[in-house]
C-alpha atoms as a PDB file:
ATOM      1  CA  MET A   1      68.801   5.034 138.632  1.00  0.00           C
ATOM      2  CA  ILE A   2      70.975   2.182 137.146  1.00  0.00           C
ATOM      3  CA  LYS A   3      69.713   3.485 133.600  1.00  0.00           C
ATOM      4  CA  MET A   4      70.270   7.162 134.884  1.00  0.00           C
ATOM      5  CA  ARG A   5      74.172   6.524 136.011  1.00  0.00           C
ATOM      6  CA  LYS A   6      74.890   4.598 132.543  1.00  0.00           C
ATOM      7  CA  LEU A   7      73.705   7.553 130.470  1.00  0.00           C
ATOM      8  CA  LEU A   8      75.849   9.768 132.782  1.00  0.00           C
ATOM      9  CA  VAL A   9      79.007   7.190 132.967  1.00  0.00           C
ATOM     10  CA  CYS A  10      78.973   7.284 128.754  1.00  0.00           C
ATOM     11  CA  LEU A  11      78.479  11.443 128.724  1.00  0.00           C
ATOM     12  CA  LEU A  12      82.025  11.305 130.654  1.00  0.00           C
ATOM     13  CA  VAL A  13      83.261   9.575 128.193  1.00  0.00           C
ATOM     14  CA  LEU A  14      82.187  10.729 125.208  1.00  0.00           C
ATOM     15  CA  VAL A  15      83.121  14.005 126.965  1.00  0.00           C
ATOM     16  CA  SER A  16      86.800  12.945 127.773  1.00  0.00           C
ATOM     17  CA  ILE A  17      86.788  11.451 124.220  1.00  0.00           C
ATOM     18  CA  SER A  18      85.838  14.345 122.736  1.00  0.00           C
ATOM     19  CA  ALA A  19      88.592  16.185 124.942  1.00  0.00           C
ATOM     20  CA  LEU A  20      90.770  14.247 123.885  1.00  0.00           C
ATOM     21  CA  ALA A  21      90.299  14.434 120.458  1.00  0.00           C
ATOM     22  CA  GLN A  22      90.623  17.896 120.321  1.00  0.00           C
ATOM     23  CA  LYS A  23      93.767  18.948 118.276  1.00  0.00           C
ATOM     24  CA  LYS A  24      96.314  21.692 120.255  1.00  0.00           C
ATOM     25  CA  LYS A  25      96.703  24.860 119.528  1.00  0.00           C
ATOM     26  CA  VAL A  26      99.909  26.655 119.089  1.00  0.00           C
ATOM     27  CA  THR A  27     100.046  30.709 118.518  1.00  0.00           C
ATOM     28  CA  VAL A  28     102.329  32.325 115.739  1.00  0.00           C
ATOM     29  CA  VAL A  29     104.374  34.834 117.514  1.00  0.00           C
ATOM     30  CA  THR A  30     106.649  36.564 114.380  1.00  0.00           C
ATOM     31  CA  PHE A  31     106.431  36.558 110.804  1.00  0.00           C
ATOM     32  CA  TYR A  32     108.850  38.962 109.145  1.00  0.00           C
ATOM     33  CA  ALA A  33     111.020  39.100 105.988  1.00  0.00           C
ATOM     34  CA  ASN A  34     115.209  40.030 105.742  1.00  0.00           C
ATOM     35  CA  LYS A  35     115.261  42.928 103.535  1.00  0.00           C
ATOM     36  CA  MET A  36     119.360  42.199 104.166  1.00  0.00           C
ATOM     37  CA  VAL A  37     120.022  40.583 100.922  1.00  0.00           C
ATOM     38  CA  GLU A  38     122.697  37.534 101.677  1.00  0.00           C
ATOM     39  CA  PHE A  39     125.535  37.338  99.471  1.00  0.00           C
ATOM     40  CA  ASP A  40     128.130  34.922 101.081  1.00  0.00           C
ATOM     41  CA  ASP A  41     127.540  32.319  98.292  1.00  0.00           C
ATOM     42  CA  LEU A  42     129.744  34.324  96.061  1.00  0.00           C
ATOM     43  CA  GLY A  43     132.426  33.778  97.902  1.00  0.00           C
ATOM     44  CA  ALA A  44     135.101  35.504  99.055  1.00  0.00           C
ATOM     45  CA  GLY A  45     136.161  39.006  97.608  1.00  0.00           C
ATOM     46  CA  TYR A  46     132.830  40.644  97.496  1.00  0.00           C
ATOM     47  CA  ASP A  47     132.752  42.254 101.067  1.00  0.00           C
ATOM     48  CA  PHE A  48     132.122  46.111  98.559  1.00  0.00           C
ATOM     49  CA  LEU A  49     129.211  44.710  98.333  1.00  0.00           C
ATOM     50  CA  LEU A  50     127.529  44.981 101.744  1.00  0.00           C
ATOM     51  CA  GLN A  51     127.194  49.111 100.423  1.00  0.00           C
ATOM     52  CA  ASP A  52     125.400  48.427  97.581  1.00  0.00           C
ATOM     53  CA  ILE A  53     123.137  45.897  99.790  1.00  0.00           C
ATOM     54  CA  LEU A  54     122.372  48.548 102.475  1.00  0.00           C
ATOM     55  CA  LYS A  55     121.277  51.269 100.007  1.00  0.00           C
ATOM     56  CA  LEU A  56     119.175  48.374  98.484  1.00  0.00           C
ATOM     57  CA  ARG A  57     117.390  47.316 101.963  1.00  0.00           C
ATOM     58  CA  ASP A  58     116.838  51.331 101.976  1.00  0.00           C
ATOM     59  CA  ASP A  59     115.189  52.371  98.905  1.00  0.00           C
ATOM     60  CA  PRO A  60     111.298  51.858  98.956  1.00  0.00           C
ATOM     61  CA  LYS A  61     111.482  50.578  95.754  1.00  0.00           C
ATOM     62  CA  PHE A  62     112.710  47.772  97.551  1.00  0.00           C
ATOM     63  CA  ASN A  63     109.021  46.381  98.603  1.00  0.00           C
ATOM     64  CA  LEU A  64     109.178  43.201 100.043  1.00  0.00           C
ATOM     65  CA  ALA A  65     105.826  43.870 101.872  1.00  0.00           C
ATOM     66  CA  PRO A  66     103.709  42.030  98.521  1.00  0.00           C
ATOM     67  CA  LEU A  67     105.700  39.343  99.080  1.00  0.00           C
ATOM     68  CA  LEU A  68     105.604  39.171 102.504  1.00  0.00           C
ATOM     69  CA  GLU A  69     101.504  39.522 102.314  1.00  0.00           C
ATOM     70  CA  GLN A  70     101.727  36.922  99.858  1.00  0.00           C
ATOM     71  CA  TYR A  71     103.719  34.290 102.038  1.00  0.00           C
ATOM     72  CA  HIS A  72     101.602  34.778 105.360  1.00  0.00           C
ATOM     73  CA  ASN A  73      98.128  34.106 103.114  1.00  0.00           C
ATOM     74  CA  ASN A  74      99.292  30.799 101.661  1.00  0.00           C
ATOM     75  CA  PHE A  75     101.002  29.944 105.030  1.00  0.00           C
ATOM     76  CA  PHE A  76      97.782  30.628 107.248  1.00  0.00           C
ATOM     77  CA  ASN A  77      95.031  29.449 104.616  1.00  0.00           C
ATOM     78  CA  ASP A  78      97.323  26.675 103.290  1.00  0.00           C
ATOM     79  CA  TYR A  79     100.470  25.431 104.739  1.00  0.00           C
ATOM     80  CA  SER A  80      98.419  25.197 108.108  1.00  0.00           C
ATOM     81  CA  LYS A  81      96.106  22.773 107.525  1.00  0.00           C
ATOM     82  CA  GLU A  82      99.349  20.171 107.080  1.00  0.00           C
ATOM     83  CA  PHE A  83      99.350  20.992 111.141  1.00  0.00           C
ATOM     84  CA  PRO A  84      98.349  18.597 113.471  1.00  0.00           C
ATOM     85  CA  PHE A  85      96.974  21.913 115.222  1.00  0.00           C
ATOM     86  CA  ASP A  86      95.365  24.814 114.936  1.00  0.00           C
ATOM     87  CA  LEU A  87      96.966  28.258 115.227  1.00  0.00           C
ATOM     88  CA  VAL A  88      95.827  30.611 117.920  1.00  0.00           C
ATOM     89  CA  PRO A  89      94.204  33.404 115.576  1.00  0.00           C
ATOM     90  CA  GLU A  90      96.489  36.004 114.886  1.00  0.00           C
ATOM     91  CA  ALA A  91      94.212  39.046 116.720  1.00  0.00           C
ATOM     92  CA  GLU A  92      94.866  37.577 120.570  1.00  0.00           C
ATOM     93  CA  VAL A  93      98.659  38.436 119.273  1.00  0.00           C
ATOM     94  CA  PHE A  94      98.396  41.567 117.416  1.00  0.00           C
ATOM     95  CA  ASN A  95      95.585  43.184 120.666  1.00  0.00           C
ATOM     96  CA  ASN A  96      98.046  41.155 123.204  1.00  0.00           C
ATOM     97  CA  ASP A  97      99.445  44.405 125.196  1.00  0.00           C
ATOM     98  CA  THR A  98     102.162  42.596 127.117  1.00  0.00           C
ATOM     99  CA  TYR A  99     102.961  41.298 123.517  1.00  0.00           C
ATOM    100  CA  GLN A 100     103.077  44.478 122.466  1.00  0.00           C
ATOM    101  CA  ASN A 101     104.971  45.558 124.815  1.00  0.00           C
ATOM    102  CA  PHE A 102     107.405  42.841 125.058  1.00  0.00           C
ATOM    103  CA  ILE A 103     111.185  43.773 124.569  1.00  0.00           C
ATOM    104  CA  PRO A 104     113.097  40.894 123.270  1.00  0.00           C
ATOM    105  CA  LYS A 105     116.352  39.788 124.121  1.00  0.00           C
ATOM    106  CA  TYR A 106     118.873  41.123 121.945  1.00  0.00           C
ATOM    107  CA  ASP A 107     116.692  44.048 120.328  1.00  0.00           C
ATOM    108  CA  VAL A 108     118.145  46.810 118.902  1.00  0.00           C
ATOM    109  CA  LYS A 109     115.415  48.672 117.405  1.00  0.00           C
ATOM    110  CA  ASP A 110     116.638  50.985 114.770  1.00  0.00           C
ATOM    111  CA  TYR A 111     118.876  48.101 113.647  1.00  0.00           C
ATOM    112  CA  ASP A 112     115.950  45.544 113.319  1.00  0.00           C
ATOM    113  CA  ALA A 113     113.165  48.051 112.025  1.00  0.00           C
ATOM    114  CA  ALA A 114     115.739  48.634 108.959  1.00  0.00           C
ATOM    115  CA  ASN A 115     116.604  44.838 108.622  1.00  0.00           C
ATOM    116  CA  TYR A 116     113.642  43.146 109.049  1.00  0.00           C
ATOM    117  CA  LEU A 117     109.368  43.706 107.882  1.00  0.00           C
ATOM    118  CA  VAL A 118     107.467  42.296 110.209  1.00  0.00           C
ATOM    119  CA  TYR A 119     103.425  40.956 108.874  1.00  0.00           C
ATOM    120  CA  ASP A 120     101.410  43.247 110.452  1.00  0.00           C
ATOM    121  CA  LYS A 121     101.428  43.854 114.457  1.00  0.00           C
ATOM    122  CA  TYR A 122     103.379  41.157 114.404  1.00  0.00           C
ATOM    123  CA  LYS A 123     107.353  42.192 116.880  1.00  0.00           C
ATOM    124  CA  TYR A 124     110.598  40.886 114.578  1.00  0.00           C
ATOM    125  CA  ILE A 125     111.453  38.532 117.852  1.00  0.00           C
ATOM    126  CA  TYR A 126     114.792  36.628 117.445  1.00  0.00           C
ATOM    127  CA  GLU A 127     114.434  32.992 118.047  1.00  0.00           C
ATOM    128  CA  GLY A 128     117.336  29.793 117.621  1.00  0.00           C
ATOM    129  CA  PHE A 129     120.870  29.931 118.688  1.00  0.00           C
ATOM    130  CA  MET A 130     121.885  32.046 122.137  1.00  0.00           C
ATOM    131  CA  GLY A 131     117.596  33.029 121.411  1.00  0.00           C
ATOM    132  CA  LYS A 132     116.843  30.682 124.497  1.00  0.00           C
ATOM    133  CA  ASP A 133     115.259  33.513 126.537  1.00  0.00           C
ATOM    134  CA  ASN A 134     112.588  34.995 123.710  1.00  0.00           C
ATOM    135  CA  GLU A 135     111.519  31.291 123.287  1.00  0.00           C
ATOM    136  CA  GLN A 136     110.905  30.533 126.929  1.00  0.00           C
ATOM    137  CA  ALA A 137     109.069  34.188 127.977  1.00  0.00           C
ATOM    138  CA  LEU A 138     106.961  34.134 124.374  1.00  0.00           C
ATOM    139  CA  ALA A 139     105.769  30.517 125.562  1.00  0.00           C
ATOM    140  CA  LYS A 140     104.417  31.569 128.611  1.00  0.00           C
ATOM    141  CA  MET A 141     103.103  34.788 127.264  1.00  0.00           C
ATOM    142  CA  PHE A 142     100.217  32.398 125.762  1.00  0.00           C
ATOM    143  CA  THR A 143     100.455  29.612 127.881  1.00  0.00           C
ATOM    144  CA  ASP A 144      96.278  30.183 128.219  1.00  0.00           C
ATOM    145  CA  LYS A 145      95.569  30.026 125.260  1.00  0.00           C
ATOM    146  CA  SER A 146      97.679  27.438 123.349  1.00  0.00           C
ATOM    147  CA  ASP A 147     100.178  24.806 123.606  1.00  0.00           C
ATOM    148  CA  GLY A 148     103.306  26.217 122.026  1.00  0.00           C
ATOM    149  CA  VAL A 149     104.297  29.130 119.710  1.00  0.00           C
ATOM    150  CA  LEU A 150     105.986  29.295 115.679  1.00  0.00           C
ATOM    151  CA  PHE A 151     108.127  31.451 114.498  1.00  0.00           C
ATOM    152  CA  VAL A 152     108.401  31.658 110.858  1.00  0.00           C
ATOM    153  CA  ASN A 153     110.055  33.986 108.888  1.00  0.00           C
ATOM    154  CA  VAL A 154     111.568  34.284 105.495  1.00  0.00           C
ATOM    155  CA  ASN A 155     114.853  35.774 103.894  1.00  0.00           C
ATOM    156  CA  PHE A 156     116.827  36.004 100.460  1.00  0.00           C
ATOM    157  CA  ALA A 157     120.349  36.043  99.347  1.00  0.00           C
ATOM    158  CA  PHE A 158     122.226  35.760  96.100  1.00  0.00           C
ATOM    159  CA  GLU A 159     123.604  32.252  94.379  1.00  0.00           C
ATOM    160  CA  LYS A 160     126.102  31.711  91.768  1.00  0.00           C
ATOM    161  CA  GLY A 161     124.749  31.390  87.620  1.00  0.00           C
ATOM    162  CA  PHE A 162     126.216  30.187  84.718  1.00  0.00           C
ATOM    163  CA  GLY A 163     129.134  31.574  83.298  1.00  0.00           C
ATOM    164  CA  VAL A 164     132.291  33.545  83.570  1.00  0.00           C
ATOM    165  CA  GLY A 165     133.689  37.119  83.768  1.00  0.00           C
ATOM    166  CA  SER A 166     131.096  39.557  81.166  1.00  0.00           C
ATOM    167  CA  THR A 167     128.471  36.481  80.679  1.00  0.00           C
ATOM    168  CA  ALA A 168     128.404  35.710  84.456  1.00  0.00           C
ATOM    169  CA  THR A 169     124.517  35.512  85.636  1.00  0.00           C
ATOM    170  CA  ILE A 170     123.323  35.363  89.112  1.00  0.00           C
ATOM    171  CA  LYS A 171     120.029  33.925  90.637  1.00  0.00           C
ATOM    172  CA  MET A 172     118.185  34.301  94.272  1.00  0.00           C
ATOM    173  CA  ARG A 173     117.650  32.186  96.792  1.00  0.00           C
ATOM    174  CA  ALA A 174     114.034  32.292  98.895  1.00  0.00           C
ATOM    175  CA  THR A 175     114.437  30.082 102.611  1.00  0.00           C
ATOM    176  CA  THR A 176     112.544  30.007 104.964  1.00  0.00           C
ATOM    177  CA  ARG A 177     112.912  28.772 108.501  1.00  0.00           C
ATOM    178  CA  VAL A 178     109.784  27.673 110.833  1.00  0.00           C
ATOM    179  CA  ALA A 179     110.624  26.329 114.109  1.00  0.00           C
ATOM    180  CA  LEU A 180     107.588  25.462 117.164  1.00  0.00           C
ATOM    181  CA  TYR A 181     108.695  25.494 120.812  1.00  0.00           C
ATOM    182  CA  ASP A 182     106.119  24.221 123.244  1.00  0.00           C
ATOM    183  CA  LYS A 183     104.613  25.752 126.410  1.00  0.00           C
ATOM    184  CA  ASN A 184     107.682  25.138 128.313  1.00  0.00           C
ATOM    185  CA  GLY A 185     110.131  27.077 125.679  1.00  0.00           C
ATOM    186  CA  ASN A 186     111.459  23.951 124.565  1.00  0.00           C
ATOM    187  CA  LYS A 187     112.086  23.278 120.843  1.00  0.00           C
ATOM    188  CA  VAL A 188     109.692  21.106 118.569  1.00  0.00           C
ATOM    189  CA  PHE A 189     110.814  20.888 115.351  1.00  0.00           C
ATOM    190  CA  ALA A 190     113.176  23.250 113.248  1.00  0.00           C
ATOM    191  CA  PHE A 191     113.463  23.243 109.374  1.00  0.00           C
ATOM    192  CA  THR A 192     114.319  25.451 107.352  1.00  0.00           C
ATOM    193  CA  GLU A 193     113.091  24.996 103.302  1.00  0.00           C
ATOM    194  CA  ASN A 194     115.096  26.965 100.318  1.00  0.00           C
ATOM    195  CA  GLU A 195     114.059  27.189  96.785  1.00  0.00           C
ATOM    196  CA  ARG A 196     115.829  29.184  93.259  1.00  0.00           C
ATOM    197  CA  SER A 197     114.789  31.628  91.365  1.00  0.00           C
ATOM    198  CA  LYS A 198     113.976  30.823  87.843  1.00  0.00           C
ATOM    199  CA  LYS A 199     115.024  34.623  86.980  1.00  0.00           C
ATOM    200  CA  THR A 200     118.783  35.337  86.484  1.00  0.00           C
ATOM    201  CA  GLY A 201     120.131  38.136  86.520  1.00  0.00           C
ATOM    202  CA  VAL A 202     123.076  39.438  85.403  1.00  0.00           C
ATOM    203  CA  MET A 203     126.882  39.825  86.467  1.00  0.00           C
ATOM    204  CA  VAL A 204     128.702  43.187  85.231  1.00  0.00           C
ATOM    205  CA  GLY A 205     132.536  42.840  85.358  1.00  0.00           C
ATOM    206  CA  GLY A 206     132.105  39.786  87.576  1.00  0.00           C
ATOM    207  CA  VAL A 207     129.970  41.971  90.436  1.00  0.00           C
ATOM    208  CA  PRO A 208     125.647  41.856  90.604  1.00  0.00           C
ATOM    209  CA  ILE A 209     123.709  44.802  89.420  1.00  0.00           C
ATOM    210  CA  VAL A 210     122.232  45.618  92.561  1.00  0.00           C
ATOM    211  CA  LYS A 211     119.651  47.545  91.992  1.00  0.00           C
ATOM    212  CA  PRO A 212     115.520  47.470  92.979  1.00  0.00           C
ATOM    213  CA  GLU A 213     114.363  46.754  89.795  1.00  0.00           C
ATOM    214  CA  LYS A 214     116.629  44.057  89.146  1.00  0.00           C
ATOM    215  CA  ILE A 215     116.481  42.019  92.323  1.00  0.00           C
ATOM    216  CA  LEU A 216     112.948  42.267  93.662  1.00  0.00           C
ATOM    217  CA  PRO A 217     111.951  40.376  90.280  1.00  0.00           C
ATOM    218  CA  MET A 218     114.107  37.555  91.080  1.00  0.00           C
ATOM    219  CA  CYS A 219     113.424  37.983  94.980  1.00  0.00           C
ATOM    220  CA  GLU A 220     109.264  37.020  94.175  1.00  0.00           C
ATOM    221  CA  SER A 221     110.238  34.417  91.105  1.00  0.00           C
ATOM    222  CA  ALA A 222     112.681  32.924  94.607  1.00  0.00           C
ATOM    223  CA  LEU A 223     109.912  33.166  97.158  1.00  0.00           C
ATOM    224  CA  THR A 224     106.919  31.174  94.264  1.00  0.00           C
ATOM    225  CA  GLU A 225     108.842  28.382  93.599  1.00  0.00           C
ATOM    226  CA  LEU A 226     109.909  27.744  97.369  1.00  0.00           C
ATOM    227  CA  MET A 227     105.444  28.193  98.198  1.00  0.00           C
ATOM    228  CA  GLY A 228     104.941  25.759  95.173  1.00  0.00           C
ATOM    229  CA  ASP A 229     105.344  22.782  97.125  1.00  0.00           C
ATOM    230  CA  LEU A 230     106.101  23.548 100.554  1.00  0.00           C
ATOM    231  CA  LYS A 231     102.432  22.284 102.137  1.00  0.00           C
ATOM    232  CA  LYS A 232     103.306  18.827 100.391  1.00  0.00           C
ATOM    233  CA  ARG A 233     106.893  19.187 102.440  1.00  0.00           C
ATOM    234  CA  ILE A 234     105.665  20.938 105.427  1.00  0.00           C
ATOM    235  CA  SER A 235     103.337  17.826 105.913  1.00  0.00           C
ATOM    236  CA  LYS A 236     106.167  15.465 106.205  1.00  0.00           C
ATOM    237  CA  ILE A 237     108.068  17.598 108.308  1.00  0.00           C
ATOM    238  CA  VAL A 238     105.393  18.678 111.395  1.00  0.00           C
ATOM    239  CA  LYS A 239     103.317  15.089 111.269  1.00  0.00           C
ATOM    240  CA  ARG A 240     104.869  13.541 114.432  1.00  0.00           C
ATOM    241  CA  SER A 241     104.925  16.987 115.929  1.00  0.00           C
ATOM    242  CA  GLU A 242     101.632  16.702 117.798  1.00  0.00           C
ATOM    243  CA  VAL A 243     103.296  13.938 119.620  1.00  0.00           C
ATOM    244  CA  MET A 244     105.764  15.586 121.300  1.00  0.00           C
ATOM    245  CA  LEU A 245     103.815  18.642 121.862  1.00  0.00           C
END
């Protein structure tokens, strides 16, 4: 009888240790690219570029889908290994009716659909400044499946290159934001990482040539540079996040 009790105690201890050792889980709730290329870095006097940027956004040839697909695959298959938690299978998000029917605060359907390219069955959901309602709602929605929710996006922006006047060049910068919130919707961490493209564009009369065949290769180059050592950066940034969840 004593041996049996000792065995039961040992089993209970092992079960407790195993439970504690299990990684926490996090649900990715949005994954998208911004199709509106920013141009703030060019300085004042470039407001006229907005019309060209809108045309670029709506041009089928400006197809960011392959770039977003590559970033998504790298994120889930490679970068995610550096997180001290596991990611919930995406099918549990895509097949969740509550998620699919969720209407985020600040949701502007036509505007969002035009400006943001979301991956697969994700929804565009705003996070960040004044985004508390969305963060808390998504955290509550998946509280039975995970210990937190993760928001991921990538955007592109023009940057001045070298030269002036007729010899001026332009670069593209890719920036990703990754933000984690716990099951109560409180921010655990949020970080942005960015890199410039190796490919360079030209400016005619000080104005960028905003055409898909010129801009898309620069976006691809910038994202390639960003993804180059993102795994190492993520490892350094989130190494303490498990304790905070």
